[in-house]
Structures are given as structure tokens and as C-alpha cells.
PDB file of all heavy atoms in Angstrom:
ATOM      1  N   ILE A   1      86.318  32.110  -4.670  1.00  0.00           N
ATOM      2  CA  ILE A   1      86.006  32.680  -3.362  1.00  0.00           C
ATOM      3  C   ILE A   1      84.546  32.408  -3.026  1.00  0.00           C
ATOM      4  O   ILE A   1      83.648  32.636  -3.850  1.00  0.00           O
ATOM      5  CB  ILE A   1      86.268  34.202  -3.364  1.00  0.00           C
ATOM      6  CG1 ILE A   1      87.743  34.475  -3.691  1.00  0.00           C
ATOM      7  CG2 ILE A   1      85.880  34.823  -2.033  1.00  0.00           C
ATOM      8  CD1 ILE A   1      88.007  35.900  -4.091  1.00  0.00           C
ATOM      9  N   GLU A   2      84.312  31.927  -1.821  1.00  0.00           N
ATOM     10  CA  GLU A   2      82.955  31.696  -1.336  1.00  0.00           C
ATOM     11  C   GLU A   2      82.749  32.506  -0.057  1.00  0.00           C
ATOM     12  O   GLU A   2      83.638  32.558   0.797  1.00  0.00           O
ATOM     13  CB  GLU A   2      82.716  30.210  -1.066  1.00  0.00           C
ATOM     14  CG  GLU A   2      82.806  29.341  -2.309  1.00  0.00           C
ATOM     15  CD  GLU A   2      82.517  27.876  -2.024  1.00  0.00           C
ATOM     16  OE1 GLU A   2      82.302  27.554  -0.841  1.00  0.00           O
ATOM     17  OE2 GLU A   2      82.518  27.074  -2.967  1.00  0.00           O
ATOM     18  N   VAL A   3      81.572  33.122   0.071  1.00  0.00           N
ATOM     19  CA  VAL A   3      81.292  33.997   1.209  1.00  0.00           C
ATOM     20  C   VAL A   3      79.959  33.590   1.834  1.00  0.00           C
ATOM     21  O   VAL A   3      78.979  33.330   1.122  1.00  0.00           O
ATOM     22  CB  VAL A   3      81.226  35.478   0.769  1.00  0.00           C
ATOM     23  CG1 VAL A   3      80.961  36.372   1.980  1.00  0.00           C
ATOM     24  CG2 VAL A   3      82.509  35.892   0.076  1.00  0.00           C
ATOM     25  N   SER A   4      79.928  33.538   3.161  1.00  0.00           N
ATOM     26  CA  SER A   4      78.683  33.235   3.875  1.00  0.00           C
ATOM     27  C   SER A   4      78.558  34.162   5.078  1.00  0.00           C
ATOM     28  O   SER A   4      79.559  34.575   5.669  1.00  0.00           O
ATOM     29  CB  SER A   4      78.661  31.768   4.337  1.00  0.00           C
ATOM     30  OG  SER A   4      79.723  31.507   5.230  1.00  0.00           O
ATOM     31  N   ALA A   5      77.326  34.504   5.422  1.00  0.00           N
ATOM     32  CA  ALA A   5      77.060  35.369   6.578  1.00  0.00           C
ATOM     33  C   ALA A   5      75.661  35.073   7.094  1.00  0.00           C
ATOM     34  O   ALA A   5      74.757  34.711   6.316  1.00  0.00           O
ATOM     35  CB  ALA A   5      77.191  36.846   6.199  1.00  0.00           C
ATOM     36  N   ASP A   6      75.476  35.208   8.396  1.00  0.00           N
ATOM     37  CA  ASP A   6      74.170  34.969   9.006  1.00  0.00           C
ATOM     38  C   ASP A   6      73.126  35.913   8.411  1.00  0.00           C
ATOM     39  O   ASP A   6      73.350  37.122   8.305  1.00  0.00           O
ATOM     40  CB  ASP A   6      74.239  35.174  10.522  1.00  0.00           C
ATOM     41  CG  ASP A   6      75.057  34.091  11.214  1.00  0.00           C
ATOM     42  OD1 ASP A   6      75.250  33.026  10.600  1.00  0.00           O
ATOM     43  OD2 ASP A   6      75.506  34.325  12.354  1.00  0.00           O
ATOM     44  N   GLY A   7      71.984  35.350   8.031  1.00  0.00           N
ATOM     45  CA  GLY A   7      70.895  36.155   7.504  1.00  0.00           C
ATOM     46  C   GLY A   7      70.980  36.436   6.017  1.00  0.00           C
ATOM     47  O   GLY A   7      70.165  37.189   5.484  1.00  0.00           O
ATOM     48  N   TYR A   8      71.973  35.814   5.340  1.00  0.00           N
ATOM     49  CA  TYR A   8      72.148  36.057   3.908  1.00  0.00           C
ATOM     50  C   TYR A   8      72.342  34.735   3.163  1.00  0.00           C
ATOM     51  O   TYR A   8      72.820  33.755   3.730  1.00  0.00           O
ATOM     52  CB  TYR A   8      73.376  36.940   3.651  1.00  0.00           C
ATOM     53  CG  TYR A   8      73.248  38.359   4.151  1.00  0.00           C
ATOM     54  CD1 TYR A   8      73.594  38.691   5.459  1.00  0.00           C
ATOM     55  CD2 TYR A   8      72.786  39.373   3.312  1.00  0.00           C
ATOM     56  CE1 TYR A   8      73.487  39.992   5.918  1.00  0.00           C
ATOM     57  CE2 TYR A   8      72.672  40.684   3.767  1.00  0.00           C
ATOM     58  CZ  TYR A   8      73.025  40.989   5.065  1.00  0.00           C
ATOM     59  OH  TYR A   8      72.913  42.272   5.519  1.00  0.00           O
ATOM     60  N   TYR A   9      71.972  34.761   1.892  1.00  0.00           N
ATOM     61  CA  TYR A   9      72.316  33.641   1.032  1.00  0.00           C
ATOM     62  C   TYR A   9      73.810  33.717   0.701  1.00  0.00           C
ATOM     63  O   TYR A   9      74.386  34.798   0.654  1.00  0.00           O
ATOM     64  CB  TYR A   9      71.496  33.673  -0.260  1.00  0.00           C
ATOM     65  CG  TYR A   9      70.011  33.481  -0.055  1.00  0.00           C
ATOM     66  CD1 TYR A   9      69.116  34.531  -0.236  1.00  0.00           C
ATOM     67  CD2 TYR A   9      69.503  32.239   0.317  1.00  0.00           C
ATOM     68  CE1 TYR A   9      67.749  34.348  -0.042  1.00  0.00           C
ATOM     69  CE2 TYR A   9      68.137  32.044   0.509  1.00  0.00           C
ATOM     70  CZ  TYR A   9      67.265  33.105   0.333  1.00  0.00           C
ATOM     71  OH  TYR A   9      65.915  32.918   0.535  1.00  0.00           O
ATOM     72  N   ASP A  10      74.438  32.553   0.484  1.00  0.00           N
ATOM     73  CA  ASP A  10      75.869  32.523   0.172  1.00  0.00           C
ATOM     74  C   ASP A  10      76.147  33.210  -1.157  1.00  0.00           C
ATOM     75  O   ASP A  10      75.304  33.235  -2.060  1.00  0.00           O
ATOM     76  CB  ASP A  10      76.371  31.079   0.112  1.00  0.00           C
ATOM     77  CG  ASP A  10      76.339  30.398   1.470  1.00  0.00           C
ATOM     78  OD1 ASP A  10      76.162  31.093   2.476  1.00  0.00           O
ATOM     79  OD2 ASP A  10      76.502  29.155   1.508  1.00  0.00           O
ATOM     80  N   GLY A  11      77.367  33.758  -1.263  1.00  0.00           N
ATOM     81  CA  GLY A  11      77.795  34.399  -2.495  1.00  0.00           C
ATOM     82  C   GLY A  11      79.157  33.882  -2.910  1.00  0.00           C
ATOM     83  O   GLY A  11      79.842  33.194  -2.140  1.00  0.00           O
ATOM     84  N   ASN A  12      79.571  34.186  -4.134  1.00  0.00           N
ATOM     85  CA  ASN A  12      80.870  33.719  -4.602  1.00  0.00           C
ATOM     86  C   ASN A  12      81.447  34.684  -5.631  1.00  0.00           C
ATOM     87  O   ASN A  12      80.745  35.547  -6.170  1.00  0.00           O
ATOM     88  CB  ASN A  12      80.762  32.309  -5.193  1.00  0.00           C
ATOM     89  CG  ASN A  12      79.752  32.221  -6.315  1.00  0.00           C
ATOM     90  OD1 ASN A  12      79.982  32.708  -7.412  1.00  0.00           O
ATOM     91  ND2 ASN A  12      78.594  31.618  -6.027  1.00  0.00           N
ATOM     92  N   ALA A  13      82.747  34.517  -5.885  1.00  0.00           N
ATOM     93  CA  ALA A  13      83.437  35.349  -6.866  1.00  0.00           C
ATOM     94  C   ALA A  13      84.702  34.621  -7.285  1.00  0.00           C
ATOM     95  O   ALA A  13      85.072  33.590  -6.698  1.00  0.00           O
ATOM     96  CB  ALA A  13      83.770  36.715  -6.278  1.00  0.00           C
ATOM     97  N   THR A  14      85.369  35.118  -8.305  1.00  0.00           N
ATOM     98  CA  THR A  14      86.653  34.575  -8.742  1.00  0.00           C
ATOM     99  C   THR A  14      87.669  35.701  -8.826  1.00  0.00           C
ATOM    100  O   THR A  14      87.308  36.878  -9.001  1.00  0.00           O
ATOM    101  CB  THR A  14      86.541  33.886 -10.111  1.00  0.00           C
ATOM    102  OG1 THR A  14      86.082  34.842 -11.085  1.00  0.00           O
ATOM    103  CG2 THR A  14      85.570  32.724 -10.058  1.00  0.00           C
ATOM    104  N   ALA A  15      88.944  35.343  -8.698  1.00  0.00           N
ATOM    105  CA  ALA A  15      90.002  36.343  -8.775  1.00  0.00           C
ATOM    106  C   ALA A  15      91.279  35.683  -9.276  1.00  0.00           C
ATOM    107  O   ALA A  15      91.623  34.578  -8.849  1.00  0.00           O
ATOM    108  CB  ALA A  15      90.238  36.983  -7.401  1.00  0.00           C
ATOM    109  N   ASP A  16      91.953  36.360 -10.190  1.00  0.00           N
ATOM    110  CA  ASP A  16      93.229  35.882 -10.722  1.00  0.00           C
ATOM    111  C   ASP A  16      94.313  36.872 -10.319  1.00  0.00           C
ATOM    112  O   ASP A  16      94.278  38.037 -10.718  1.00  0.00           O
ATOM    113  CB  ASP A  16      93.156  35.758 -12.248  1.00  0.00           C
ATOM    114  CG  ASP A  16      94.304  34.934 -12.800  1.00  0.00           C
ATOM    115  OD1 ASP A  16      95.350  34.879 -12.130  1.00  0.00           O
ATOM    116  OD2 ASP A  16      94.161  34.358 -13.887  1.00  0.00           O
ATOM    117  N   LEU A  17      95.257  36.412  -9.507  1.00  0.00           N
ATOM    118  CA  LEU A  17      96.286  37.294  -8.969  1.00  0.00           C
ATOM    119  C   LEU A  17      97.561  37.314  -9.813  1.00  0.00           C
ATOM    120  O   LEU A  17      98.563  37.888  -9.411  1.00  0.00           O
ATOM    121  CB  LEU A  17      96.637  36.886  -7.534  1.00  0.00           C
ATOM    122  CG  LEU A  17      95.788  37.511  -6.426  1.00  0.00           C
ATOM    123  CD1 LEU A  17      94.337  37.089  -6.562  1.00  0.00           C
ATOM    124  CD2 LEU A  17      96.312  37.140  -5.058  1.00  0.00           C
ATOM    125  N   GLU A  18      97.530  36.707 -10.993  1.00  0.00           N
ATOM    126  CA  GLU A  18      98.740  36.647 -11.815  1.00  0.00           C
ATOM    127  C   GLU A  18      99.229  38.033 -12.230  1.00  0.00           C
ATOM    128  O   GLU A  18     100.427  38.247 -12.391  1.00  0.00           O
ATOM    129  CB  GLU A  18      98.477  35.794 -13.058  1.00  0.00           C
ATOM    130  CG  GLU A  18      98.500  34.310 -12.803  1.00  0.00           C
ATOM    131  CD  GLU A  18      98.498  33.521 -14.110  1.00  0.00           C
ATOM    132  OE1 GLU A  18      97.426  33.263 -14.657  1.00  0.00           O
ATOM    133  OE2 GLU A  18      99.595  33.167 -14.554  1.00  0.00           O
ATOM    134  N   GLU A  19      98.300  38.963 -12.400  1.00  0.00           N
ATOM    135  CA  GLU A  19      98.687  40.286 -12.882  1.00  0.00           C
ATOM    136  C   GLU A  19      98.871  41.288 -11.748  1.00  0.00           C
ATOM    137  O   GLU A  19      99.040  42.479 -11.995  1.00  0.00           O
ATOM    138  CB  GLU A  19      97.628  40.791 -13.870  1.00  0.00           C
ATOM    139  CG  GLU A  19      97.509  39.913 -15.111  1.00  0.00           C
ATOM    140  CD  GLU A  19      96.482  40.447 -16.087  1.00  0.00           C
ATOM    141  OE1 GLU A  19      95.877  41.489 -15.782  1.00  0.00           O
ATOM    142  OE2 GLU A  19      96.306  39.837 -17.145  1.00  0.00           O
ATOM    143  N   GLY A  20      98.835  40.834 -10.505  1.00  0.00           N
ATOM    144  CA  GLY A  20      99.066  41.735  -9.384  1.00  0.00           C
ATOM    145  C   GLY A  20      97.955  41.663  -8.355  1.00  0.00           C
ATOM    146  O   GLY A  20      97.122  40.752  -8.359  1.00  0.00           O
ATOM    147  N   ASP A  21      97.943  42.667  -7.446  1.00  0.00           N
ATOM    148  CA  ASP A  21      96.931  42.718  -6.398  1.00  0.00           C
ATOM    149  C   ASP A  21      95.533  42.778  -7.010  1.00  0.00           C
ATOM    150  O   ASP A  21      95.324  43.317  -8.101  1.00  0.00           O
ATOM    151  CB  ASP A  21      97.145  43.945  -5.508  1.00  0.00           C
ATOM    152  CG  ASP A  21      98.478  43.893  -4.779  1.00  0.00           C
ATOM    153  OD1 ASP A  21      99.088  42.805  -4.734  1.00  0.00           O
ATOM    154  OD2 ASP A  21      98.924  44.947  -4.271  1.00  0.00           O
ATOM    155  N   LYS A  22      94.570  42.234  -6.276  1.00  0.00           N
ATOM    156  CA  LYS A  22      93.205  42.148  -6.796  1.00  0.00           C
ATOM    157  C   LYS A  22      92.202  42.503  -5.708  1.00  0.00           C
ATOM    158  O   LYS A  22      92.354  42.098  -4.551  1.00  0.00           O
ATOM    159  CB  LYS A  22      92.935  40.723  -7.298  1.00  0.00           C
ATOM    160  CG  LYS A  22      91.639  40.562  -8.076  1.00  0.00           C
ATOM    161  CD  LYS A  22      91.788  41.060  -9.484  1.00  0.00           C
ATOM    162  CE  LYS A  22      90.549  40.741 -10.310  1.00  0.00           C
ATOM    163  NZ  LYS A  22      90.681  41.246 -11.702  1.00  0.00           N
ATOM    164  N   SER A  23      91.175  43.285  -6.096  1.00  0.00           N
ATOM    165  CA  SER A  23      90.077  43.607  -5.194  1.00  0.00           C
ATOM    166  C   SER A  23      88.771  43.136  -5.821  1.00  0.00           C
ATOM    167  O   SER A  23      88.531  43.375  -7.010  1.00  0.00           O
ATOM    168  CB  SER A  23      90.001  45.114  -4.933  1.00  0.00           C
ATOM    169  OG  SER A  23      91.160  45.571  -4.261  1.00  0.00           O
ATOM    170  N   VAL A  24      87.958  42.458  -5.037  1.00  0.00           N
ATOM    171  CA  VAL A  24      86.652  42.000  -5.518  1.00  0.00           C
ATOM    172  C   VAL A  24      85.593  42.373  -4.499  1.00  0.00           C
ATOM    173  O   VAL A  24      85.859  42.435  -3.294  1.00  0.00           O
ATOM    174  CB  VAL A  24      86.632  40.481  -5.764  1.00  0.00           C
ATOM    175  CG1 VAL A  24      87.594  40.094  -6.872  1.00  0.00           C
ATOM    176  CG2 VAL A  24      86.947  39.710  -4.494  1.00  0.00           C
ATOM    177  N   THR A  25      84.389  42.639  -4.982  1.00  0.00           N
ATOM    178  CA  THR A  25      83.249  42.937  -4.112  1.00  0.00           C
ATOM    179  C   THR A  25      82.199  41.845  -4.287  1.00  0.00           C
ATOM    180  O   THR A  25      81.846  41.501  -5.416  1.00  0.00           O
ATOM    181  CB  THR A  25      82.635  44.306  -4.446  1.00  0.00           C
ATOM    182  OG1 THR A  25      83.617  45.326  -4.233  1.00  0.00           O
ATOM    183  CG2 THR A  25      81.426  44.582  -3.561  1.00  0.00           C
ATOM    184  N   VAL A  26      81.734  41.312  -3.164  1.00  0.00           N
ATOM    185  CA  VAL A  26      80.715  40.266  -3.189  1.00  0.00           C
ATOM    186  C   VAL A  26      79.451  40.818  -2.538  1.00  0.00           C
ATOM    187  O   VAL A  26      79.484  41.248  -1.381  1.00  0.00           O
ATOM    188  CB  VAL A  26      81.185  38.996  -2.450  1.00  0.00           C
ATOM    189  CG1 VAL A  26      80.099  37.918  -2.509  1.00  0.00           C
ATOM    190  CG2 VAL A  26      82.482  38.473  -3.048  1.00  0.00           C
ATOM    191  N   GLU A  27      78.350  40.830  -3.282  1.00  0.00           N
ATOM    192  CA  GLU A  27      77.069  41.296  -2.764  1.00  0.00           C
ATOM    193  C   GLU A  27      76.244  40.103  -2.309  1.00  0.00           C
ATOM    194  O   GLU A  27      76.002  39.178  -3.087  1.00  0.00           O
ATOM    195  CB  GLU A  27      76.310  42.091  -3.841  1.00  0.00           C
ATOM    196  CG  GLU A  27      77.042  43.346  -4.297  1.00  0.00           C
ATOM    197  CD  GLU A  27      76.270  44.098  -5.359  1.00  0.00           C
ATOM    198  OE1 GLU A  27      75.332  43.502  -5.943  1.00  0.00           O
ATOM    199  OE2 GLU A  27      76.575  45.272  -5.603  1.00  0.00           O
ATOM    200  N   LEU A  28      75.808  40.126  -1.053  1.00  0.00           N
ATOM    201  CA  LEU A  28      75.003  39.037  -0.515  1.00  0.00           C
ATOM    202  C   LEU A  28      73.530  39.448  -0.454  1.00  0.00           C
ATOM    203  O   LEU A  28      73.195  40.549  -0.006  1.00  0.00           O
ATOM    204  CB  LEU A  28      75.487  38.640   0.879  1.00  0.00           C
ATOM    205  CG  LEU A  28      76.913  38.100   1.002  1.00  0.00           C
ATOM    206  CD1 LEU A  28      77.159  37.617   2.427  1.00  0.00           C
ATOM    207  CD2 LEU A  28      77.159  36.969   0.010  1.00  0.00           C
ATOM    208  N   GLN A  29      72.681  38.538  -0.884  1.00  0.00           N
ATOM    209  CA  GLN A  29      71.234  38.782  -0.869  1.00  0.00           C
ATOM    210  C   GLN A  29      70.647  38.382   0.478  1.00  0.00           C
ATOM    211  O   GLN A  29      70.860  37.262   0.933  1.00  0.00           O
ATOM    212  CB  GLN A  29      70.563  37.996  -1.988  1.00  0.00           C
ATOM    213  CG  GLN A  29      69.049  38.162  -2.039  1.00  0.00           C
ATOM    214  CD  GLN A  29      68.415  37.289  -3.105  1.00  0.00           C
ATOM    215  OE1 GLN A  29      69.111  36.604  -3.834  1.00  0.00           O
ATOM    216  NE2 GLN A  29      67.099  37.300  -3.170  1.00  0.00           N
ATOM    217  N   PRO A  30      69.915  39.289   1.135  1.00  0.00           N
ATOM    218  CA  PRO A  30      69.292  38.928   2.428  1.00  0.00           C
ATOM    219  C   PRO A  30      68.310  37.779   2.256  1.00  0.00           C
ATOM    220  O   PRO A  30      67.618  37.685   1.239  1.00  0.00           O
ATOM    221  CB  PRO A  30      68.577  40.220   2.845  1.00  0.00           C
ATOM    222  CG  PRO A  30      69.239  41.307   2.056  1.00  0.00           C
ATOM    223  CD  PRO A  30      69.652  40.687   0.760  1.00  0.00           C
ATOM    224  N   GLU A  31      68.269  36.904   3.257  1.00  0.00           N
ATOM    225  CA  GLU A  31      67.302  35.803   3.212  1.00  0.00           C
ATOM    226  C   GLU A  31      65.900  36.358   3.412  1.00  0.00           C
ATOM    227  O   GLU A  31      65.673  37.216   4.265  1.00  0.00           O
ATOM    228  CB  GLU A  31      67.627  34.780   4.306  1.00  0.00           C
ATOM    229  CG  GLU A  31      68.938  34.038   4.088  1.00  0.00           C
ATOM    230  CD  GLU A  31      69.217  33.040   5.192  1.00  0.00           C
ATOM    231  OE1 GLU A  31      68.548  33.140   6.241  1.00  0.00           O
ATOM    232  OE2 GLU A  31      70.107  32.197   5.017  1.00  0.00           O
ATOM    233  N   SER A  32      64.923  35.874   2.623  1.00  0.00           N
ATOM    234  CA  SER A  32      63.541  36.319   2.764  1.00  0.00           C
ATOM    235  C   SER A  32      62.906  35.602   3.940  1.00  0.00           C
ATOM    236  O   SER A  32      63.166  34.422   4.181  1.00  0.00           O
ATOM    237  CB  SER A  32      62.753  36.023   1.482  1.00  0.00           C
ATOM    238  OG  SER A  32      62.765  34.631   1.215  1.00  0.00           O
ATOM    239  N   ASP A  33      62.040  36.336   4.677  1.00  0.00           N
ATOM    240  CA  ASP A  33      61.363  35.753   5.841  1.00  0.00           C
ATOM    241  C   ASP A  33      60.007  35.231   5.399  1.00  0.00           C
ATOM    242  O   ASP A  33      58.980  35.889   5.541  1.00  0.00           O
ATOM    243  CB  ASP A  33      61.213  36.811   6.935  1.00  0.00           C
ATOM    244  CG  ASP A  33      60.938  36.178   8.288  1.00  0.00           C
ATOM    245  OD1 ASP A  33      60.515  35.015   8.302  1.00  0.00           O
ATOM    246  OD2 ASP A  33      61.139  36.846   9.315  1.00  0.00           O
ATOM    247  N   ASP A  34      59.973  34.029   4.816  1.00  0.00           N
ATOM    248  CA  ASP A  34      58.726  33.455   4.288  1.00  0.00           C
ATOM    249  C   ASP A  34      57.691  33.249   5.374  1.00  0.00           C
ATOM    250  O   ASP A  34      56.498  33.352   5.140  1.00  0.00           O
ATOM    251  CB  ASP A  34      59.004  32.118   3.587  1.00  0.00           C
ATOM    252  CG  ASP A  34      59.876  32.313   2.356  1.00  0.00           C
ATOM    253  OD1 ASP A  34      59.842  33.430   1.813  1.00  0.00           O
ATOM    254  OD2 ASP A  34      60.586  31.366   1.980  1.00  0.00           O
ATOM    255  N   GLY A  35      58.168  32.970   6.594  1.00  0.00           N
ATOM    256  CA  GLY A  35      57.230  32.711   7.688  1.00  0.00           C
ATOM    257  C   GLY A  35      56.360  33.906   7.978  1.00  0.00           C
ATOM    258  O   GLY A  35      55.146  33.816   8.131  1.00  0.00           O
ATOM    259  N   ASP A  36      56.975  35.122   8.007  1.00  0.00           N
ATOM    260  CA  ASP A  36      56.213  36.328   8.283  1.00  0.00           C
ATOM    261  C   ASP A  36      55.222  36.610   7.169  1.00  0.00           C
ATOM    262  O   ASP A  36      54.105  37.057   7.392  1.00  0.00           O
ATOM    263  CB  ASP A  36      57.163  37.523   8.439  1.00  0.00           C
ATOM    264  CG  ASP A  36      57.954  37.435   9.737  1.00  0.00           C
ATOM    265  OD1 ASP A  36      57.577  36.620  10.593  1.00  0.00           O
ATOM    266  OD2 ASP A  36      58.951  38.184   9.885  1.00  0.00           O
ATOM    267  N   ASP A  37      55.663  36.336   5.910  1.00  0.00           N
ATOM    268  CA  ASP A  37      54.757  36.570   4.789  1.00  0.00           C
ATOM    269  C   ASP A  37      53.523  35.686   4.893  1.00  0.00           C
ATOM    270  O   ASP A  37      52.403  36.123   4.636  1.00  0.00           O
ATOM    271  CB  ASP A  37      55.481  36.289   3.465  1.00  0.00           C
ATOM    272  CG  ASP A  37      56.583  37.316   3.215  1.00  0.00           C
ATOM    273  OD1 ASP A  37      56.533  38.382   3.859  1.00  0.00           O
ATOM    274  OD2 ASP A  37      57.476  37.041   2.390  1.00  0.00           O
ATOM    275  N   GLU A  38      53.729  34.406   5.276  1.00  0.00           N
ATOM    276  CA  GLU A  38      52.605  33.489   5.397  1.00  0.00           C
ATOM    277  C   GLU A  38      51.657  33.935   6.502  1.00  0.00           C
ATOM    278  O   GLU A  38      50.439  33.894   6.362  1.00  0.00           O
ATOM    279  CB  GLU A  38      53.116  32.074   5.672  1.00  0.00           C
ATOM    280  CG  GLU A  38      53.840  31.469   4.485  1.00  0.00           C
ATOM    281  CD  GLU A  38      54.403  30.104   4.814  1.00  0.00           C
ATOM    282  OE1 GLU A  38      54.200  29.675   5.977  1.00  0.00           O
ATOM    283  OE2 GLU A  38      55.021  29.479   3.947  1.00  0.00           O
ATOM    284  N   GLU A  39      52.246  34.387   7.641  1.00  0.00           N
ATOM    285  CA  GLU A  39      51.414  34.848   8.740  1.00  0.00           C
ATOM    286  C   GLU A  39      50.587  36.051   8.305  1.00  0.00           C
ATOM    287  O   GLU A  39      49.418  36.194   8.633  1.00  0.00           O
ATOM    288  CB  GLU A  39      52.288  35.205   9.941  1.00  0.00           C
ATOM    289  CG  GLU A  39      52.909  33.987  10.615  1.00  0.00           C
ATOM    290  CD  GLU A  39      53.791  34.391  11.788  1.00  0.00           C
ATOM    291  OE1 GLU A  39      53.807  35.602  12.109  1.00  0.00           O
ATOM    292  OE2 GLU A  39      54.435  33.518  12.373  1.00  0.00           O
ATOM    293  N   SER A  40      51.238  36.943   7.534  1.00  0.00           N
ATOM    294  CA  SER A  40      50.537  38.141   7.071  1.00  0.00           C
ATOM    295  C   SER A  40      49.381  37.761   6.162  1.00  0.00           C
ATOM    296  O   SER A  40      48.283  38.303   6.255  1.00  0.00           O
ATOM    297  CB  SER A  40      51.519  39.055   6.324  1.00  0.00           C
ATOM    298  OG  SER A  40      50.862  40.168   5.793  1.00  0.00           O
ATOM    299  N   ASP A  41      49.636  36.773   5.263  1.00  0.00           N
ATOM    300  CA  ASP A  41      48.573  36.325   4.365  1.00  0.00           C
ATOM    301  C   ASP A  41      47.405  35.733   5.140  1.00  0.00           C
ATOM    302  O   ASP A  41      46.234  35.976   4.827  1.00  0.00           O
ATOM    303  CB  ASP A  41      49.116  35.284   3.375  1.00  0.00           C
ATOM    304  CG  ASP A  41      50.115  35.902   2.402  1.00  0.00           C
ATOM    305  OD1 ASP A  41      50.098  37.142   2.275  1.00  0.00           O
ATOM    306  OD2 ASP A  41      50.894  35.131   1.803  1.00  0.00           O
ATOM    307  N   GLU A  42      47.732  34.926   6.190  1.00  0.00           N
ATOM    308  CA  GLU A  42      46.681  34.320   6.993  1.00  0.00           C
ATOM    309  C   GLU A  42      45.863  35.379   7.713  1.00  0.00           C
ATOM    310  O   GLU A  42      44.645  35.294   7.826  1.00  0.00           O
ATOM    311  CB  GLU A  42      47.304  33.341   7.992  1.00  0.00           C
ATOM    312  CG  GLU A  42      47.898  32.094   7.330  1.00  0.00           C
ATOM    313  CD  GLU A  42      48.584  31.208   8.351  1.00  0.00           C
ATOM    314  OE1 GLU A  42      48.580  31.595   9.545  1.00  0.00           O
ATOM    315  OE2 GLU A  42      49.108  30.156   7.966  1.00  0.00           O
ATOM    316  N   THR A  43      46.565  36.415   8.199  1.00  0.00           N
ATOM    317  CA  THR A  43      45.874  37.493   8.908  1.00  0.00           C
ATOM    318  C   THR A  43      44.928  38.228   7.976  1.00  0.00           C
ATOM    319  O   THR A  43      43.780  38.526   8.317  1.00  0.00           O
ATOM    320  CB  THR A  43      46.902  38.476   9.496  1.00  0.00           C
ATOM    321  OG1 THR A  43      47.766  37.774  10.376  1.00  0.00           O
ATOM    322  CG2 THR A  43      46.206  39.600  10.247  1.00  0.00           C
ATOM    323  N   ASP A  44      45.415  38.524   6.757  1.00  0.00           N
ATOM    324  CA  ASP A  44      44.572  39.220   5.792  1.00  0.00           C
ATOM    325  C   ASP A  44      43.345  38.386   5.460  1.00  0.00           C
ATOM    326  O   ASP A  44      42.232  38.899   5.352  1.00  0.00           O
ATOM    327  CB  ASP A  44      45.368  39.498   4.511  1.00  0.00           C
ATOM    328  CG  ASP A  44      46.483  40.507   4.755  1.00  0.00           C
ATOM    329  OD1 ASP A  44      46.412  41.202   5.779  1.00  0.00           O
ATOM    330  OD2 ASP A  44      47.426  40.576   3.922  1.00  0.00           O
ATOM    331  N   SER A  45      43.550  37.070   5.298  1.00  0.00           N
ATOM    332  CA  SER A  45      42.436  36.175   4.979  1.00  0.00           C
ATOM    333  C   SER A  45      41.400  36.159   6.099  1.00  0.00           C
ATOM    334  O   SER A  45      40.206  36.165   5.878  1.00  0.00           O
ATOM    335  CB  SER A  45      42.973  34.769   4.714  1.00  0.00           C
ATOM    336  OG  SER A  45      41.923  33.863   4.498  1.00  0.00           O
TER     337      SER A  45
END
């Protein structure tokens, strides 16, 4: 299983349905806003 969403890094999981119904949870990591961090560093400097 592959999962994608706007503003997040892609995530994945696996599932084997041979033994019956299956539930999986996929946690997506938010994308970091490097641009804002750089601007903040420049401002501090």
C-alpha cells in the first residue's frame, strides 16, 4: 500500500488478507518548510 497527500511525504504499508479482514494505519510526516526557515535565519543574521 502506498499513500500520498498534499503537504506530506509519501507513506507505505503492507497487508496480508489471507487470514481475514485487515486494518492498517499509515502515518504521514508533514513536509518541512525549508524556505521559511532560511528566511528566518537571514532575518536573524
